[in-house]
Amino acid sequence: MTGPGGVVAAPYEFQRYDPDIEKTVSLRPAEMADLGRLHAWLNEEHVLPYWRLDDPLPVFRDALAEKLADDHMTPYVGHLDHVPMSYWECYWAADDSVADHYDADPADQGVHLLIGPPEYLGEGYAAPLLRSVAEMQFRHGETDRIVAEPDVRNDVVHRVFERCGFEHRREIAMDEKDALLMVCERERFEREVVA
């Protein structure tokens, strides 16, 4: 099946070829079979300072089960050329704690991300991946805004969000971190990022 936001091919929920990196980006909902992979990624040195989810595997199993059952969030595994290499959480912002920090619309979506295997870092993949995730989120016709709240210390990920049309709003103090509230408006995304 094809559509304006990309090609959908089972088992993926979204798929597109990105000419900038000459690779196919695919996204599929995470499942409990991803437990070991996700646990390993969350314990990578480049992930731990920001996600802080280095729980023992049984504890993380329970946390993943809660995420998979959570109606306000859909966890995804991102693939490059069909190789799993990233983790994404797409959520309804109005039902998330980020809504305590701005005037959330019921159709606003939010996104968390991590690239797991270290060999994928520094290769220019993060922005094309995030661009694909934002395209997937904007397929929801009522969503005009995507928000993100990356750790305020993570300058690298701030630049990735900026390249995908996200603008800085302000620093916010969340329970688990000091974050930078960033917002991507549909009109700007379609005009400047995917035009």
Protein backbone atom coordinates (compact mmCIF):
# COMPACT_ATOMS: atom_id res chain seq x y z
CA MET A 1 0.00 0.00 0.00
CA THR A 2 1.31 3.47 -0.81
CA GLY A 3 0.30 6.93 0.31
CA PRO A 4 1.56 10.49 0.47
CA GLY A 5 3.45 9.77 3.69
CA GLY A 6 5.39 6.81 2.34
CA VAL A 7 4.99 3.17 1.48
CA VAL A 8 3.54 0.75 4.01
CA ALA A 9 4.76 -2.85 3.81
CA ALA A 10 4.06 -5.51 6.40
CA PRO A 11 5.22 -5.92 9.10
CA TYR A 12 6.02 -2.23 9.07
CA GLU A 13 3.58 0.51 9.90
CA PHE A 14 5.58 3.05 7.91
CA GLN A 15 8.34 2.75 5.35
CA ARG A 16 10.13 5.11 2.98
CA TYR A 17 13.34 5.19 1.01
CA ASP A 18 15.49 8.14 2.07
CA PRO A 19 17.67 9.33 -0.82
CA ASP A 20 19.88 11.41 1.51
CA ILE A 21 21.24 8.29 3.20
CA GLU A 22 20.35 5.85 0.39
CA LYS A 23 18.61 3.55 2.84
CA THR A 24 15.08 2.39 3.55
CA VAL A 25 13.67 3.60 6.87
CA SER A 26 10.98 1.37 8.36
CA LEU A 27 9.02 1.55 11.58
CA ARG A 28 7.07 -1.19 13.27
CA PRO A 29 5.37 -1.36 16.65
CA ALA A 30 7.64 -2.78 19.33
CA GLU A 31 6.65 -6.06 20.89
CA MET A 32 7.71 -8.16 23.86
CA ALA A 33 10.02 -10.14 21.55
CA ASP A 34 12.16 -6.95 21.40
CA LEU A 35 12.83 -7.14 25.15
CA GLY A 36 16.47 -8.23 24.99
CA ARG A 37 17.34 -5.84 22.16
CA LEU A 38 15.76 -2.82 23.85
CA HIS A 39 17.31 -3.67 27.22
CA ALA A 40 20.75 -3.87 25.60
CA TRP A 41 20.25 -0.54 23.81
CA LEU A 42 19.11 1.21 26.99
CA ASN A 43 22.33 0.08 28.67
CA GLU A 44 24.61 1.49 25.97
CA GLU A 45 26.97 4.18 27.28
CA HIS A 46 25.59 6.83 24.92
CA VAL A 47 21.99 6.12 26.03
CA LEU A 48 22.29 5.74 29.81
CA PRO A 49 22.92 9.42 30.71
CA TYR A 50 19.67 10.50 29.06
CA TRP A 51 17.23 7.60 29.43
CA ARG A 52 18.43 6.38 32.84
CA LEU A 53 16.65 3.04 32.41
CA ASP A 54 19.44 0.64 33.34
CA ASP A 55 17.12 -1.55 35.36
CA PRO A 56 17.70 -5.31 35.62
CA LEU A 57 16.02 -7.26 32.84
CA PRO A 58 13.04 -8.48 34.93
CA VAL A 59 12.28 -4.89 35.98
CA PHE A 60 12.57 -3.67 32.42
CA ARG A 61 10.31 -6.53 31.25
CA ASP A 62 7.57 -5.14 33.49
CA ALA A 63 8.24 -1.59 32.28
CA LEU A 64 8.07 -2.66 28.63
CA ALA A 65 4.81 -4.55 29.29
CA GLU A 66 3.37 -1.35 30.76
CA LYS A 67 4.51 0.68 27.74
CA LEU A 68 3.01 -1.84 25.32
CA ALA A 69 -0.31 -1.69 27.19
CA ASP A 70 -0.31 2.11 27.51
CA ASP A 71 -3.08 3.66 25.38
CA HIS A 72 -1.38 7.06 25.22
CA MET A 73 1.88 5.73 23.75
CA THR A 74 3.02 3.45 20.94
CA PRO A 75 6.61 2.20 21.16
CA TYR A 76 8.28 1.54 17.78
CA VAL A 77 11.44 -0.14 16.57
CA GLY A 78 13.11 1.73 13.74
CA HIS A 79 14.96 -0.16 11.01
CA LEU A 80 17.50 0.87 8.39
CA ASP A 81 17.45 -1.44 5.38
CA HIS A 82 15.44 -3.83 7.57
CA VAL A 83 18.02 -3.94 10.37
CA PRO A 84 16.58 -2.90 13.77
CA MET A 85 18.69 -0.06 15.19
CA SER A 86 16.51 2.52 16.98
CA TYR A 87 13.70 2.85 19.48
CA TRP A 88 10.90 5.41 19.38
CA GLU A 89 8.03 6.33 21.66
CA CYS A 90 5.20 8.17 19.94
CA TYR A 91 2.63 9.50 22.36
CA TRP A 92 -0.42 11.72 22.68
CA ALA A 93 0.98 14.82 24.35
CA ALA A 94 -2.26 15.90 26.03
CA ASP A 95 -2.22 12.64 28.02
CA ASP A 96 1.45 12.93 28.94
CA SER A 97 3.26 14.84 31.68
CA VAL A 98 4.62 17.25 29.03
CA ALA A 99 1.10 18.73 28.90
CA ASP A 100 1.81 20.25 32.32
CA HIS A 101 4.28 22.56 30.58
CA TYR A 102 2.38 23.96 27.58
CA ASP A 103 -1.13 24.39 26.21
CA ALA A 104 -1.52 20.95 24.62
CA ASP A 105 -4.11 20.31 21.93
CA PRO A 106 -5.80 16.88 22.11
CA ALA A 107 -4.30 15.97 18.71
CA ASP A 108 -0.72 16.99 19.56
CA GLN A 109 1.73 14.12 19.45
CA GLY A 110 5.10 13.71 21.10
CA VAL A 111 8.20 11.68 20.40
CA HIS A 112 11.14 10.13 22.26
CA LEU A 113 14.04 8.50 20.46
CA LEU A 114 17.25 6.60 20.84
CA ILE A 115 19.69 5.01 18.46
CA GLY A 116 20.82 1.72 19.96
CA PRO A 117 23.90 0.13 18.40
CA PRO A 118 26.87 2.54 18.68
CA GLU A 119 28.00 1.77 15.14
CA TYR A 120 25.00 3.76 13.87
CA LEU A 121 26.08 6.94 15.68
CA GLY A 122 27.70 9.79 13.78
CA GLU A 123 26.61 8.44 10.40
CA GLY A 124 23.92 11.03 9.72
CA TYR A 125 21.02 8.65 10.29
CA ALA A 126 19.21 10.37 13.17
CA ALA A 127 17.65 13.23 11.18
CA PRO A 128 16.34 11.02 8.34
CA LEU A 129 14.91 8.65 10.94
CA LEU A 130 13.24 11.46 12.90
CA ARG A 131 11.93 12.98 9.65
CA SER A 132 10.27 9.63 8.85
CA VAL A 133 8.75 9.36 12.32
CA ALA A 134 7.37 12.90 12.05
CA GLU A 135 5.92 12.06 8.62
CA MET A 136 4.26 9.03 10.16
CA GLN A 137 2.85 11.10 13.03
CA PHE A 138 1.56 13.83 10.70
CA ARG A 139 -0.39 11.18 8.75
CA HIS A 140 -2.93 11.66 11.53
CA GLY A 141 -4.96 14.39 9.88
CA GLU A 142 -5.82 16.27 13.06
CA THR A 143 -2.23 16.47 14.31
CA ASP A 144 -0.79 19.89 13.56
CA ARG A 145 1.98 19.82 16.17
CA ILE A 146 4.59 17.38 17.42
CA VAL A 147 6.42 18.11 20.65
CA ALA A 148 9.64 16.77 22.10
CA GLU A 149 11.34 17.24 25.45
CA PRO A 150 14.95 16.09 25.03
CA ASP A 151 17.35 16.39 27.94
CA VAL A 152 18.53 19.98 28.11
CA ARG A 153 22.18 18.78 28.07
CA ASN A 154 21.87 16.83 24.83
CA ASP A 155 23.00 19.37 22.24
CA VAL A 156 23.46 16.68 19.60
CA VAL A 157 19.82 15.63 19.68
CA HIS A 158 18.67 19.27 19.78
CA ARG A 159 20.38 19.81 16.41
CA VAL A 160 18.72 16.68 15.01
CA PHE A 161 15.30 17.99 16.04
CA GLU A 162 16.09 21.41 14.54
CA ARG A 163 16.97 19.80 11.20
CA CYS A 164 13.50 18.22 11.21
CA GLY A 165 11.61 21.47 11.80
CA PHE A 166 11.46 21.55 15.59
CA GLU A 167 11.88 24.94 17.27
CA HIS A 168 13.05 25.65 20.81
CA ARG A 169 10.33 26.94 23.12
CA ARG A 170 11.84 26.93 26.62
CA GLU A 171 13.51 24.84 29.27
CA ILE A 172 11.14 22.87 31.46
CA ALA A 173 11.70 20.96 34.70
CA MET A 174 10.20 17.48 34.44
CA ASP A 175 10.23 14.83 37.17
CA GLU A 176 13.04 12.83 35.58
CA LYS A 177 15.06 15.57 33.87
CA ASP A 178 15.52 19.17 32.91
CA ALA A 179 14.31 19.27 29.32
CA LEU A 180 14.15 21.57 26.35
CA LEU A 181 10.58 21.87 25.06
CA MET A 182 10.71 21.73 21.26
CA VAL A 183 7.76 22.01 18.88
CA CYS A 184 7.34 21.07 15.22
CA GLU A 185 4.39 22.71 13.47
CA ARG A 186 2.89 20.82 10.52
CA GLU A 187 2.96 23.84 8.22
CA ARG A 188 6.68 24.43 8.79
CA PHE A 189 7.48 20.72 8.51
CA GLU A 190 5.70 20.41 5.17
CA ARG A 191 7.13 23.70 3.86
CA GLU A 192 10.75 23.38 4.99
CA VAL A 193 11.51 19.75 5.77
CA VAL A 194 9.70 17.48 3.31
CA ALA A 195 8.86 19.94 0.48
